[in-house]
Amino acid sequence: MIAAVPPALALRAGLELGIFTRLGGGAQTADSLGAALDVDPDRLSRLLYALASIDLLEVADGRFRNGAEASAFLDASRPTYRGGDHALLRELWGADLLTADSLRQNRPAALHDFSEAGREEAAAFSRMLAPGGVIFGRHLAQAMDLSATGSVIDIGGGAGTILVGLRERWPRISATLMELPTVAAAAPDILSEYGAGDVVVEAGDITLAPSAGRHDLAILKAVVQVLPPDKARSAILNAARCLNAGGEIAIAGWGVVDDGRLSPPEGVFLNLTFLNLYRHGEAYTEGQYRAWMTEAGFHDISRSSLADGCTLFRARLAV
């Protein structure tokens, strides 16, 4: 387990520097790549050889190129890019180092509070999550048939870029983002940068009240898991009130565990991360999600995994 950490950190360094995207145009030497990245080539070569040792890069005659996996998933110029959350990884992995401190102090050692964030902090955090939102939206668009969906609301979706990815495949959908006021204030500028200035941005708190409008699909991505149980329940109840008759809900996130709480590992260990970030959030069990969704009037509840492994709960209201 200890030996598995350095390769992951090397991968993150490669993403932060943009190495895989630079190499998307073809093989380069450490000298040429270093010049392009404005870093010392001799020092850079240590990272390049490390990435080659784990098959993310290939090297021949001193020239480095992307391996098959890096070419498919780590080059930001490709639609299959999976590295958009590398800035978030810095925050999450940094928080993971503080688990013992959080337990000793009986409080999150790397507290993140969306409700108390200032406008600049909220904007910076939303911008950091924006690329990953687009990617998630693409995965969700592939998993769902939205040909009959007229309106979708993204609840708690940060900058709302999930809607950008979703509408690449389903462009006719009317889109609304509902977020806390400080986050909602930053969203229009970010959405405009992604060519989605027509998204309606609504300030509100889903734990207190539903959206002002009614929609065919409500998306809650990584929202329920950051709330205490009573507010998680309220969020799902109010999300149901955002929907038209027969409307559908899609609740997604890595913070879900089986009822035995021993699997999947992504949910089990993200639960520790939450310990360091949130006062009350946790990885809730499948049984808890099903109970809250049933109470809200949803039926035909299903659990599946998206292409990236993220858990997805889907259900509908009665017609």
C-alpha atoms as a PDB file:
ATOM      1  CA  MET A   1       0.000   0.000   0.000  1.00  0.00           C
ATOM      2  CA  ILE A   2       2.828   2.399   0.789  1.00  0.00           C
ATOM      3  CA  ALA A   3       4.523   1.590  -2.527  1.00  0.00           C
ATOM      4  CA  ALA A   4       1.339   2.506  -4.410  1.00  0.00           C
ATOM      5  CA  VAL A   5       1.414   6.135  -3.226  1.00  0.00           C
ATOM      6  CA  PRO A   6       4.433   7.524  -5.185  1.00  0.00           C
ATOM      7  CA  PRO A   7       3.118   6.450  -8.627  1.00  0.00           C
ATOM      8  CA  ALA A   8      -0.204   8.176  -7.926  1.00  0.00           C
ATOM      9  CA  LEU A   9       1.620  11.357  -6.903  1.00  0.00           C
ATOM     10  CA  ALA A  10       3.758  11.195 -10.052  1.00  0.00           C
ATOM     11  CA  LEU A  11       0.577  10.911 -12.117  1.00  0.00           C
ATOM     12  CA  ARG A  12      -0.850  13.981 -10.393  1.00  0.00           C
ATOM     13  CA  ALA A  13       2.367  15.946 -11.024  1.00  0.00           C
ATOM     14  CA  GLY A  14       2.204  15.015 -14.700  1.00  0.00           C
ATOM     15  CA  LEU A  15      -1.385  16.253 -14.895  1.00  0.00           C
ATOM     16  CA  GLU A  16      -0.597  19.504 -13.100  1.00  0.00           C
ATOM     17  CA  LEU A  17       2.266  20.265 -15.459  1.00  0.00           C
ATOM     18  CA  GLY A  18       0.215  19.334 -18.513  1.00  0.00           C
ATOM     19  CA  ILE A  19       2.793  16.795 -19.679  1.00  0.00           C
ATOM     20  CA  PHE A  20       0.313  14.372 -21.247  1.00  0.00           C
ATOM     21  CA  THR A  21      -1.449  17.113 -23.178  1.00  0.00           C
ATOM     22  CA  ARG A  22       1.888  18.492 -24.443  1.00  0.00           C
ATOM     23  CA  LEU A  23       2.860  15.013 -25.629  1.00  0.00           C
ATOM     24  CA  GLY A  24      -0.472  14.617 -27.405  1.00  0.00           C
ATOM     25  CA  GLY A  25       1.155  16.321 -30.374  1.00  0.00           C
ATOM     26  CA  GLY A  26       3.962  13.763 -30.590  1.00  0.00           C
ATOM     27  CA  ALA A  27       7.162  12.582 -28.941  1.00  0.00           C
ATOM     28  CA  GLN A  28       9.508  15.105 -27.320  1.00  0.00           C
ATOM     29  CA  THR A  29      12.824  15.091 -25.506  1.00  0.00           C
ATOM     30  CA  ALA A  30      13.163  16.259 -21.924  1.00  0.00           C
ATOM     31  CA  ASP A  31      14.930  19.354 -23.287  1.00  0.00           C
ATOM     32  CA  SER A  32      12.117  20.374 -25.640  1.00  0.00           C
ATOM     33  CA  LEU A  33       9.408  19.541 -23.131  1.00  0.00           C
ATOM     34  CA  GLY A  34      11.247  21.395 -20.384  1.00  0.00           C
ATOM     35  CA  ALA A  35      11.531  24.470 -22.584  1.00  0.00           C
ATOM     36  CA  ALA A  36       7.805  24.326 -23.366  1.00  0.00           C
ATOM     37  CA  LEU A  37       6.906  23.954 -19.682  1.00  0.00           C
ATOM     38  CA  ASP A  38       9.593  26.406 -18.462  1.00  0.00           C
ATOM     39  CA  VAL A  39      11.138  23.846 -16.093  1.00  0.00           C
ATOM     40  CA  ASP A  40      14.660  22.457 -15.800  1.00  0.00           C
ATOM     41  CA  PRO A  41      14.929  19.503 -18.259  1.00  0.00           C
ATOM     42  CA  ASP A  42      17.315  17.471 -16.125  1.00  0.00           C
ATOM     43  CA  ARG A  43      14.975  17.617 -13.153  1.00  0.00           C
ATOM     44  CA  LEU A  44      11.948  17.049 -15.406  1.00  0.00           C
ATOM     45  CA  SER A  45      13.522  13.889 -16.803  1.00  0.00           C
ATOM     46  CA  ARG A  46      13.212  12.242 -13.375  1.00  0.00           C
ATOM     47  CA  LEU A  47       9.436  12.604 -13.556  1.00  0.00           C
ATOM     48  CA  LEU A  48       9.325  11.522 -17.197  1.00  0.00           C
ATOM     49  CA  TYR A  49      11.239   8.319 -16.496  1.00  0.00           C
ATOM     50  CA  ALA A  50       9.054   7.658 -13.454  1.00  0.00           C
ATOM     51  CA  LEU A  51       5.936   7.996 -15.605  1.00  0.00           C
ATOM     52  CA  ALA A  52       7.506   5.717 -18.207  1.00  0.00           C
ATOM     53  CA  SER A  53       8.225   3.123 -15.513  1.00  0.00           C
ATOM     54  CA  ILE A  54       4.473   2.826 -14.831  1.00  0.00           C
ATOM     55  CA  ASP A  55       3.645   2.743 -18.572  1.00  0.00           C
ATOM     56  CA  LEU A  56       1.950   6.122 -18.729  1.00  0.00           C
ATOM     57  CA  LEU A  57       4.754   7.241 -21.023  1.00  0.00           C
ATOM     58  CA  GLU A  58       6.949   5.389 -23.508  1.00  0.00           C
ATOM     59  CA  VAL A  59      10.588   6.307 -24.100  1.00  0.00           C
ATOM     60  CA  ALA A  60      12.890   5.506 -27.013  1.00  0.00           C
ATOM     61  CA  ASP A  61      16.165   7.206 -27.950  1.00  0.00           C
ATOM     62  CA  GLY A  62      15.582   9.868 -25.307  1.00  0.00           C
ATOM     63  CA  ARG A  63      12.190  10.856 -26.704  1.00  0.00           C
ATOM     64  CA  PHE A  64       9.029  10.490 -24.644  1.00  0.00           C
ATOM     65  CA  ARG A  65       5.525   9.897 -25.904  1.00  0.00           C
ATOM     66  CA  ASN A  66       2.190   9.090 -24.262  1.00  0.00           C
ATOM     67  CA  GLY A  67       1.421   5.450 -23.577  1.00  0.00           C
ATOM     68  CA  ALA A  68      -1.945   4.067 -24.684  1.00  0.00           C
ATOM     69  CA  GLU A  69      -3.719   4.819 -21.400  1.00  0.00           C
ATOM     70  CA  ALA A  70      -2.317   8.344 -21.097  1.00  0.00           C
ATOM     71  CA  SER A  71      -3.195   9.035 -24.722  1.00  0.00           C
ATOM     72  CA  ALA A  72      -6.779   7.943 -24.173  1.00  0.00           C
ATOM     73  CA  PHE A  73      -7.497   9.515 -20.784  1.00  0.00           C
ATOM     74  CA  LEU A  74      -4.858  12.085 -19.761  1.00  0.00           C
ATOM     75  CA  ASP A  75      -4.581  14.308 -22.844  1.00  0.00           C
ATOM     76  CA  ALA A  76      -6.884  17.273 -22.172  1.00  0.00           C
ATOM     77  CA  SER A  77      -7.409  17.826 -25.893  1.00  0.00           C
ATOM     78  CA  ARG A  78      -9.311  14.533 -26.190  1.00  0.00           C
ATOM     79  CA  PRO A  79     -13.014  14.093 -25.315  1.00  0.00           C
ATOM     80  CA  THR A  80     -12.201  11.023 -23.201  1.00  0.00           C
ATOM     81  CA  TYR A  81      -9.996  13.098 -20.857  1.00  0.00           C
ATOM     82  CA  ARG A  82     -10.246  11.948 -17.247  1.00  0.00           C
ATOM     83  CA  GLY A  83      -7.682  14.222 -15.585  1.00  0.00           C
ATOM     84  CA  GLY A  84      -9.760  17.337 -15.075  1.00  0.00           C
ATOM     85  CA  ASP A  85      -9.918  16.915 -11.307  1.00  0.00           C
ATOM     86  CA  HIS A  86      -6.156  17.000 -10.715  1.00  0.00           C
ATOM     87  CA  ALA A  87      -6.422  20.266  -8.772  1.00  0.00           C
ATOM     88  CA  LEU A  88      -9.108  18.690  -6.625  1.00  0.00           C
ATOM     89  CA  LEU A  89      -6.819  15.740  -5.950  1.00  0.00           C
ATOM     90  CA  ARG A  90      -4.316  18.097  -4.331  1.00  0.00           C
ATOM     91  CA  GLU A  91      -7.014  19.238  -1.904  1.00  0.00           C
ATOM     92  CA  LEU A  92      -8.414  15.765  -1.218  1.00  0.00           C
ATOM     93  CA  TRP A  93      -5.060  14.033  -0.787  1.00  0.00           C
ATOM     94  CA  GLY A  94      -3.817  16.879   1.377  1.00  0.00           C
ATOM     95  CA  ALA A  95      -6.872  16.424   3.578  1.00  0.00           C
ATOM     96  CA  ASP A  96      -6.264  12.672   3.785  1.00  0.00           C
ATOM     97  CA  LEU A  97      -2.948  13.348   5.526  1.00  0.00           C
ATOM     98  CA  LEU A  98      -4.840  14.986   8.401  1.00  0.00           C
ATOM     99  CA  THR A  99      -7.135  12.121   9.457  1.00  0.00           C
ATOM    100  CA  ALA A 100      -5.375  11.525  12.779  1.00  0.00           C
ATOM    101  CA  ASP A 101      -5.441  15.273  13.506  1.00  0.00           C
ATOM    102  CA  SER A 102      -9.185  15.456  12.752  1.00  0.00           C
ATOM    103  CA  LEU A 103      -9.828  12.596  15.174  1.00  0.00           C
ATOM    104  CA  ARG A 104      -7.621  14.029  17.912  1.00  0.00           C
ATOM    105  CA  GLN A 105      -9.193  17.485  17.612  1.00  0.00           C
ATOM    106  CA  ASN A 106     -12.752  16.158  17.118  1.00  0.00           C
ATOM    107  CA  ARG A 107     -13.227  18.519  14.183  1.00  0.00           C
ATOM    108  CA  PRO A 108     -12.326  18.631  10.460  1.00  0.00           C
ATOM    109  CA  ALA A 109      -8.659  19.617  10.210  1.00  0.00           C
ATOM    110  CA  ALA A 110      -9.164  20.806   6.603  1.00  0.00           C
ATOM    111  CA  LEU A 111     -12.664  22.217   7.019  1.00  0.00           C
ATOM    112  CA  HIS A 112     -14.487  23.180   3.837  1.00  0.00           C
ATOM    113  CA  ASP A 113     -17.795  24.973   4.387  1.00  0.00           C
ATOM    114  CA  PHE A 114     -19.730  25.898   1.257  1.00  0.00           C
ATOM    115  CA  SER A 115     -22.241  27.986   3.211  1.00  0.00           C
ATOM    116  CA  GLU A 116     -19.562  30.228   4.729  1.00  0.00           C
ATOM    117  CA  ALA A 117     -17.319  30.627   1.678  1.00  0.00           C
ATOM    118  CA  GLY A 118     -16.697  34.157   0.443  1.00  0.00           C
ATOM    119  CA  ARG A 119     -17.367  35.099  -3.171  1.00  0.00           C
ATOM    120  CA  GLU A 120     -13.729  34.838  -4.273  1.00  0.00           C
ATOM    121  CA  GLU A 121     -13.218  31.522  -2.503  1.00  0.00           C
ATOM    122  CA  ALA A 122     -16.436  30.121  -3.951  1.00  0.00           C
ATOM    123  CA  ALA A 123     -15.457  31.264  -7.446  1.00  0.00           C
ATOM    124  CA  ALA A 124     -11.984  29.710  -7.177  1.00  0.00           C
ATOM    125  CA  PHE A 125     -13.370  26.403  -5.943  1.00  0.00           C
ATOM    126  CA  SER A 126     -16.077  26.312  -8.626  1.00  0.00           C
ATOM    127  CA  ARG A 127     -13.519  27.046 -11.321  1.00  0.00           C
ATOM    128  CA  MET A 128     -11.317  24.212 -10.035  1.00  0.00           C
ATOM    129  CA  LEU A 129     -14.231  21.766 -10.296  1.00  0.00           C
ATOM    130  CA  ALA A 130     -15.512  23.032 -13.646  1.00  0.00           C
ATOM    131  CA  PRO A 131     -13.520  20.700 -15.983  1.00  0.00           C
ATOM    132  CA  GLY A 132     -14.523  17.642 -13.960  1.00  0.00           C
ATOM    133  CA  GLY A 133     -18.147  18.753 -14.146  1.00  0.00           C
ATOM    134  CA  VAL A 134     -18.054  18.707 -17.945  1.00  0.00           C
ATOM    135  CA  ILE A 135     -16.608  15.199 -17.912  1.00  0.00           C
ATOM    136  CA  PHE A 136     -19.235  13.944 -15.473  1.00  0.00           C
ATOM    137  CA  GLY A 137     -21.957  15.486 -17.637  1.00  0.00           C
ATOM    138  CA  ARG A 138     -20.647  13.552 -20.630  1.00  0.00           C
ATOM    139  CA  HIS A 139     -20.702  10.289 -18.680  1.00  0.00           C
ATOM    140  CA  LEU A 140     -24.238  10.960 -17.486  1.00  0.00           C
ATOM    141  CA  ALA A 141     -25.357  11.852 -21.012  1.00  0.00           C
ATOM    142  CA  GLN A 142     -24.093   8.485 -22.232  1.00  0.00           C
ATOM    143  CA  ALA A 143     -25.880   6.616 -19.427  1.00  0.00           C
ATOM    144  CA  MET A 144     -29.307   8.229 -19.795  1.00  0.00           C
ATOM    145  CA  ASP A 145     -31.763   8.567 -22.655  1.00  0.00           C
ATOM    146  CA  LEU A 146     -32.867  12.192 -22.427  1.00  0.00           C
ATOM    147  CA  SER A 147     -34.571  12.405 -25.797  1.00  0.00           C
ATOM    148  CA  ALA A 148     -37.911  13.145 -24.087  1.00  0.00           C
ATOM    149  CA  THR A 149     -36.456  15.423 -21.402  1.00  0.00           C
ATOM    150  CA  GLY A 150     -37.364  19.073 -21.777  1.00  0.00           C
ATOM    151  CA  SER A 151     -35.827  20.649 -18.687  1.00  0.00           C
ATOM    152  CA  VAL A 152     -33.045  19.648 -16.296  1.00  0.00           C
ATOM    153  CA  ILE A 153     -31.934  21.230 -13.030  1.00  0.00           C
ATOM    154  CA  ASP A 154     -28.470  20.712 -11.596  1.00  0.00           C
ATOM    155  CA  ILE A 155     -28.767  21.115  -7.822  1.00  0.00           C
ATOM    156  CA  GLY A 156     -25.589  22.019  -5.975  1.00  0.00           C
ATOM    157  CA  GLY A 157     -23.517  21.667  -9.121  1.00  0.00           C
ATOM    158  CA  GLY A 158     -20.938  24.402  -8.470  1.00  0.00           C
ATOM    159  CA  ALA A 159     -20.410  26.313 -11.695  1.00  0.00           C
ATOM    160  CA  GLY A 160     -23.007  24.167 -13.481  1.00  0.00           C
ATOM    161  CA  THR A 161     -20.627  22.684 -16.031  1.00  0.00           C
ATOM    162  CA  ILE A 162     -22.295  19.283 -15.647  1.00  0.00           C
ATOM    163  CA  LEU A 163     -24.985  20.847 -17.808  1.00  0.00           C
ATOM    164  CA  VAL A 164     -22.360  21.736 -20.424  1.00  0.00           C
ATOM    165  CA  GLY A 165     -21.260  18.108 -20.762  1.00  0.00           C
ATOM    166  CA  LEU A 166     -24.849  16.876 -20.698  1.00  0.00           C
ATOM    167  CA  ARG A 167     -25.955  19.168 -23.514  1.00  0.00           C
ATOM    168  CA  GLU A 168     -23.122  18.181 -25.808  1.00  0.00           C
ATOM    169  CA  ARG A 169     -25.179  15.051 -26.442  1.00  0.00           C
ATOM    170  CA  TRP A 170     -28.638  16.477 -25.674  1.00  0.00           C
ATOM    171  CA  PRO A 171     -28.425  20.116 -26.892  1.00  0.00           C
ATOM    172  CA  ARG A 172     -32.153  20.921 -26.838  1.00  0.00           C
ATOM    173  CA  ILE A 173     -32.548  20.547 -23.082  1.00  0.00           C
ATOM    174  CA  SER A 174     -33.423  23.675 -21.115  1.00  0.00           C
ATOM    175  CA  ALA A 175     -30.932  23.937 -18.229  1.00  0.00           C
ATOM    176  CA  THR A 176     -31.047  25.449 -14.737  1.00  0.00           C
ATOM    177  CA  LEU A 177     -28.433  25.531 -12.002  1.00  0.00           C
ATOM    178  CA  MET A 178     -29.505  25.880  -8.352  1.00  0.00           C
ATOM    179  CA  GLU A 179     -26.724  26.775  -5.928  1.00  0.00           C
ATOM    180  CA  LEU A 180     -26.010  28.610  -2.684  1.00  0.00           C
ATOM    181  CA  PRO A 181     -25.920  32.394  -3.240  1.00  0.00           C
ATOM    182  CA  THR A 182     -22.131  32.858  -3.122  1.00  0.00           C
ATOM    183  CA  VAL A 183     -21.567  29.994  -5.568  1.00  0.00           C
ATOM    184  CA  ALA A 184     -24.457  31.070  -7.804  1.00  0.00           C
ATOM    185  CA  ALA A 185     -22.936  34.547  -8.066  1.00  0.00           C
ATOM    186  CA  ALA A 186     -19.766  33.129  -9.613  1.00  0.00           C
ATOM    187  CA  ALA A 187     -21.462  30.645 -11.940  1.00  0.00           C
ATOM    188  CA  PRO A 188     -22.581  32.886 -14.865  1.00  0.00           C
ATOM    189  CA  ASP A 189     -19.051  34.028 -15.704  1.00  0.00           C
ATOM    190  CA  ILE A 190     -17.729  30.464 -15.682  1.00  0.00           C
ATOM    191  CA  LEU A 191     -20.671  29.158 -17.712  1.00  0.00           C
ATOM    192  CA  SER A 192     -20.107  31.902 -20.282  1.00  0.00           C
ATOM    193  CA  GLU A 193     -16.511  30.747 -20.674  1.00  0.00           C
ATOM    194  CA  TYR A 194     -17.903  27.319 -21.611  1.00  0.00           C
ATOM    195  CA  GLY A 195     -20.375  28.791 -24.082  1.00  0.00           C
ATOM    196  CA  ALA A 196     -23.363  28.140 -21.816  1.00  0.00           C
ATOM    197  CA  GLY A 197     -24.511  31.635 -20.989  1.00  0.00           C
ATOM    198  CA  ASP A 198     -28.145  30.580 -21.499  1.00  0.00           C
ATOM    199  CA  VAL A 199     -28.166  28.388 -18.369  1.00  0.00           C
ATOM    200  CA  VAL A 200     -30.566  29.838 -15.798  1.00  0.00           C
ATOM    201  CA  VAL A 201     -28.791  30.330 -12.461  1.00  0.00           C
ATOM    202  CA  GLU A 202     -30.995  30.260  -9.373  1.00  0.00           C
ATOM    203  CA  ALA A 203     -29.746  31.063  -5.865  1.00  0.00           C
ATOM    204  CA  GLY A 204     -31.188  28.802  -3.203  1.00  0.00           C
ATOM    205  CA  ASP A 205     -30.629  26.106  -0.604  1.00  0.00           C
ATOM    206  CA  ILE A 206     -32.138  22.736  -1.530  1.00  0.00           C
ATOM    207  CA  THR A 207     -32.140  21.661   2.122  1.00  0.00           C
ATOM    208  CA  LEU A 208     -34.619  24.479   2.854  1.00  0.00           C
ATOM    209  CA  ALA A 209     -36.799  24.754  -0.253  1.00  0.00           C
ATOM    210  CA  PRO A 210     -37.186  23.458  -3.814  1.00  0.00           C
ATOM    211  CA  SER A 211     -36.445  25.322  -7.008  1.00  0.00           C
ATOM    212  CA  ALA A 212     -38.829  28.038  -8.111  1.00  0.00           C
ATOM    213  CA  GLY A 213     -39.509  26.081 -11.309  1.00  0.00           C
ATOM    214  CA  ARG A 214     -40.410  22.518 -12.247  1.00  0.00           C
ATOM    215  CA  HIS A 215     -38.232  20.225 -14.324  1.00  0.00           C
ATOM    216  CA  ASP A 216     -38.121  16.784 -15.918  1.00  0.00           C
ATOM    217  CA  LEU A 217     -34.767  15.762 -14.424  1.00  0.00           C
ATOM    218  CA  ALA A 218     -32.994  16.763 -11.215  1.00  0.00           C
ATOM    219  CA  ILE A 219     -29.273  16.033 -10.809  1.00  0.00           C
ATOM    220  CA  LEU A 220     -27.556  15.954  -7.421  1.00  0.00           C
ATOM    221  CA  LYS A 221     -23.858  15.230  -7.892  1.00  0.00           C
ATOM    222  CA  ALA A 222     -21.750  14.963  -4.701  1.00  0.00           C
ATOM    223  CA  VAL A 223     -24.383  16.934  -2.772  1.00  0.00           C
ATOM    224  CA  VAL A 224     -26.081  14.486  -0.419  1.00  0.00           C
ATOM    225  CA  GLN A 225     -22.765  13.174   0.859  1.00  0.00           C
ATOM    226  CA  VAL A 226     -21.646  16.556   2.243  1.00  0.00           C
ATOM    227  CA  LEU A 227     -24.783  17.019   4.367  1.00  0.00           C
ATOM    228  CA  PRO A 228     -25.800  15.709   7.804  1.00  0.00           C
ATOM    229  CA  PRO A 229     -28.519  13.010   7.686  1.00  0.00           C
ATOM    230  CA  ASP A 230     -31.467  15.316   8.379  1.00  0.00           C
ATOM    231  CA  LYS A 231     -30.409  17.755   5.659  1.00  0.00           C
ATOM    232  CA  ALA A 232     -29.571  14.921   3.246  1.00  0.00           C
ATOM    233  CA  ARG A 233     -33.139  13.701   3.678  1.00  0.00           C
ATOM    234  CA  SER A 234     -34.506  17.243   3.199  1.00  0.00           C
ATOM    235  CA  ALA A 235     -32.429  17.739   0.050  1.00  0.00           C
ATOM    236  CA  ILE A 236     -33.939  14.652  -1.585  1.00  0.00           C
ATOM    237  CA  LEU A 237     -37.469  15.547  -0.453  1.00  0.00           C
ATOM    238  CA  ASN A 238     -37.107  19.057  -1.891  1.00  0.00           C
ATOM    239  CA  ALA A 239     -35.491  17.745  -5.078  1.00  0.00           C
ATOM    240  CA  ALA A 240     -38.653  15.705  -5.652  1.00  0.00           C
ATOM    241  CA  ARG A 241     -40.656  18.928  -5.339  1.00  0.00           C
ATOM    242  CA  CYS A 242     -38.558  20.408  -8.178  1.00  0.00           C
ATOM    243  CA  LEU A 243     -39.908  17.812 -10.604  1.00  0.00           C
ATOM    244  CA  ASN A 244     -42.900  17.494 -12.867  1.00  0.00           C
ATOM    245  CA  ALA A 245     -45.115  14.425 -12.565  1.00  0.00           C
ATOM    246  CA  GLY A 246     -43.144  11.443 -13.873  1.00  0.00           C
ATOM    247  CA  GLY A 247     -39.909  13.383 -13.433  1.00  0.00           C
ATOM    248  CA  GLU A 248     -36.601  11.635 -12.792  1.00  0.00           C
ATOM    249  CA  ILE A 249     -33.858  12.126 -10.231  1.00  0.00           C
ATOM    250  CA  ALA A 250     -30.187  11.257 -10.695  1.00  0.00           C
ATOM    251  CA  ILE A 251     -28.101  11.202  -7.504  1.00  0.00           C
ATOM    252  CA  ALA A 252     -24.412  10.558  -8.066  1.00  0.00           C
ATOM    253  CA  GLY A 253     -21.180  10.542  -6.132  1.00  0.00           C
ATOM    254  CA  TRP A 254     -18.254   8.493  -4.941  1.00  0.00           C
ATOM    255  CA  GLY A 255     -19.452   8.779  -1.346  1.00  0.00           C
ATOM    256  CA  VAL A 256     -21.737   5.738  -1.288  1.00  0.00           C
ATOM    257  CA  VAL A 257     -21.120   2.496   0.601  1.00  0.00           C
ATOM    258  CA  ASP A 258     -22.886  -0.849   0.676  1.00  0.00           C
ATOM    259  CA  ASP A 259     -25.019  -1.557   3.712  1.00  0.00           C
ATOM    260  CA  GLY A 260     -22.184  -3.535   5.322  1.00  0.00           C
ATOM    261  CA  ARG A 261     -19.944  -0.402   5.041  1.00  0.00           C
ATOM    262  CA  LEU A 262     -16.938  -2.427   3.816  1.00  0.00           C
ATOM    263  CA  SER A 263     -17.258  -1.694   0.090  1.00  0.00           C
ATOM    264  CA  PRO A 264     -16.780  -0.281  -2.454  1.00  0.00           C
ATOM    265  CA  PRO A 265     -13.314   0.957  -1.447  1.00  0.00           C
ATOM    266  CA  GLU A 266     -13.842   4.350  -3.102  1.00  0.00           C
ATOM    267  CA  GLY A 267     -16.763   5.061  -0.785  1.00  0.00           C
ATOM    268  CA  VAL A 268     -15.154   3.567   2.321  1.00  0.00           C
ATOM    269  CA  PHE A 269     -12.002   5.665   2.042  1.00  0.00           C
ATOM    270  CA  LEU A 270     -13.751   8.810   0.810  1.00  0.00           C
ATOM    271  CA  ASN A 271     -15.648   8.580   4.092  1.00  0.00           C
ATOM    272  CA  LEU A 272     -12.322   9.220   5.833  1.00  0.00           C
ATOM    273  CA  THR A 273     -11.659  12.183   3.560  1.00  0.00           C
ATOM    274  CA  PHE A 274     -15.046  13.645   4.536  1.00  0.00           C
ATOM    275  CA  LEU A 275     -13.969  13.376   8.164  1.00  0.00           C
ATOM    276  CA  ASN A 276     -11.285  15.960   7.418  1.00  0.00           C
ATOM    277  CA  LEU A 277     -13.377  18.269   5.234  1.00  0.00           C
ATOM    278  CA  TYR A 278     -16.928  18.399   6.595  1.00  0.00           C
ATOM    279  CA  ARG A 279     -18.503  18.696  10.016  1.00  0.00           C
ATOM    280  CA  HIS A 280     -21.281  16.244   9.218  1.00  0.00           C
ATOM    281  CA  GLY A 281     -20.986  14.805   5.687  1.00  0.00           C
ATOM    282  CA  GLU A 282     -20.370  11.096   5.234  1.00  0.00           C
ATOM    283  CA  ALA A 283     -20.616   8.231   2.774  1.00  0.00           C
ATOM    284  CA  TYR A 284     -24.185   7.102   3.303  1.00  0.00           C
ATOM    285  CA  THR A 285     -25.311   3.539   2.671  1.00  0.00           C
ATOM    286  CA  GLU A 286     -27.396   2.327  -0.232  1.00  0.00           C
ATOM    287  CA  GLY A 287     -30.177   1.548   2.229  1.00  0.00           C
ATOM    288  CA  GLN A 288     -30.237   5.149   3.461  1.00  0.00           C
ATOM    289  CA  TYR A 289     -30.444   6.512  -0.086  1.00  0.00           C
ATOM    290  CA  ARG A 290     -33.266   4.127  -0.961  1.00  0.00           C
ATOM    291  CA  ALA A 291     -35.198   5.021   2.198  1.00  0.00           C
ATOM    292  CA  TRP A 292     -34.939   8.777   1.562  1.00  0.00           C
ATOM    293  CA  MET A 293     -35.879   8.392  -2.110  1.00  0.00           C
ATOM    294  CA  THR A 294     -38.854   6.180  -1.285  1.00  0.00           C
ATOM    295  CA  GLU A 295     -40.082   8.694   1.312  1.00  0.00           C
ATOM    296  CA  ALA A 296     -39.839  11.428  -1.336  1.00  0.00           C
ATOM    297  CA  GLY A 297     -42.208   9.453  -3.585  1.00  0.00           C
ATOM    298  CA  PHE A 298     -39.725   7.929  -6.007  1.00  0.00           C
ATOM    299  CA  HIS A 299     -40.151   4.421  -7.377  1.00  0.00           C
ATOM    300  CA  ASP A 300     -38.161   2.056  -9.609  1.00  0.00           C
ATOM    301  CA  ILE A 301     -35.004   3.017  -7.725  1.00  0.00           C
ATOM    302  CA  SER A 302     -31.856   1.639  -9.359  1.00  0.00           C
ATOM    303  CA  ARG A 303     -28.164   1.766  -8.503  1.00  0.00           C
ATOM    304  CA  SER A 304     -25.476   1.540 -11.184  1.00  0.00           C
ATOM    305  CA  SER A 305     -21.992   2.801 -11.967  1.00  0.00           C
ATOM    306  CA  LEU A 306     -21.050   5.342 -14.607  1.00  0.00           C
ATOM    307  CA  ALA A 307     -18.141   4.810 -16.982  1.00  0.00           C
ATOM    308  CA  ASP A 308     -15.713   6.331 -14.455  1.00  0.00           C
ATOM    309  CA  GLY A 309     -17.003   4.135 -11.618  1.00  0.00           C
ATOM    310  CA  CYS A 310     -19.060   6.859  -9.928  1.00  0.00           C
ATOM    311  CA  THR A 311     -22.213   5.532  -8.237  1.00  0.00           C
ATOM    312  CA  LEU A 312     -25.520   6.615  -9.782  1.00  0.00           C
ATOM    313  CA  PHE A 313     -28.988   6.271  -8.228  1.00  0.00           C
ATOM    314  CA  ARG A 314     -31.932   6.827 -10.554  1.00  0.00           C
ATOM    315  CA  ALA A 315     -35.678   6.859  -9.847  1.00  0.00           C
ATOM    316  CA  ARG A 316     -38.952   8.427 -11.022  1.00  0.00           C
ATOM    317  CA  LEU A 317     -41.995  10.060  -9.538  1.00  0.00           C
ATOM    318  CA  ALA A 318     -45.415   8.694 -10.392  1.00  0.00           C
ATOM    319  CA  VAL A 319     -47.057  10.144 -13.494  1.00  0.00           C
END
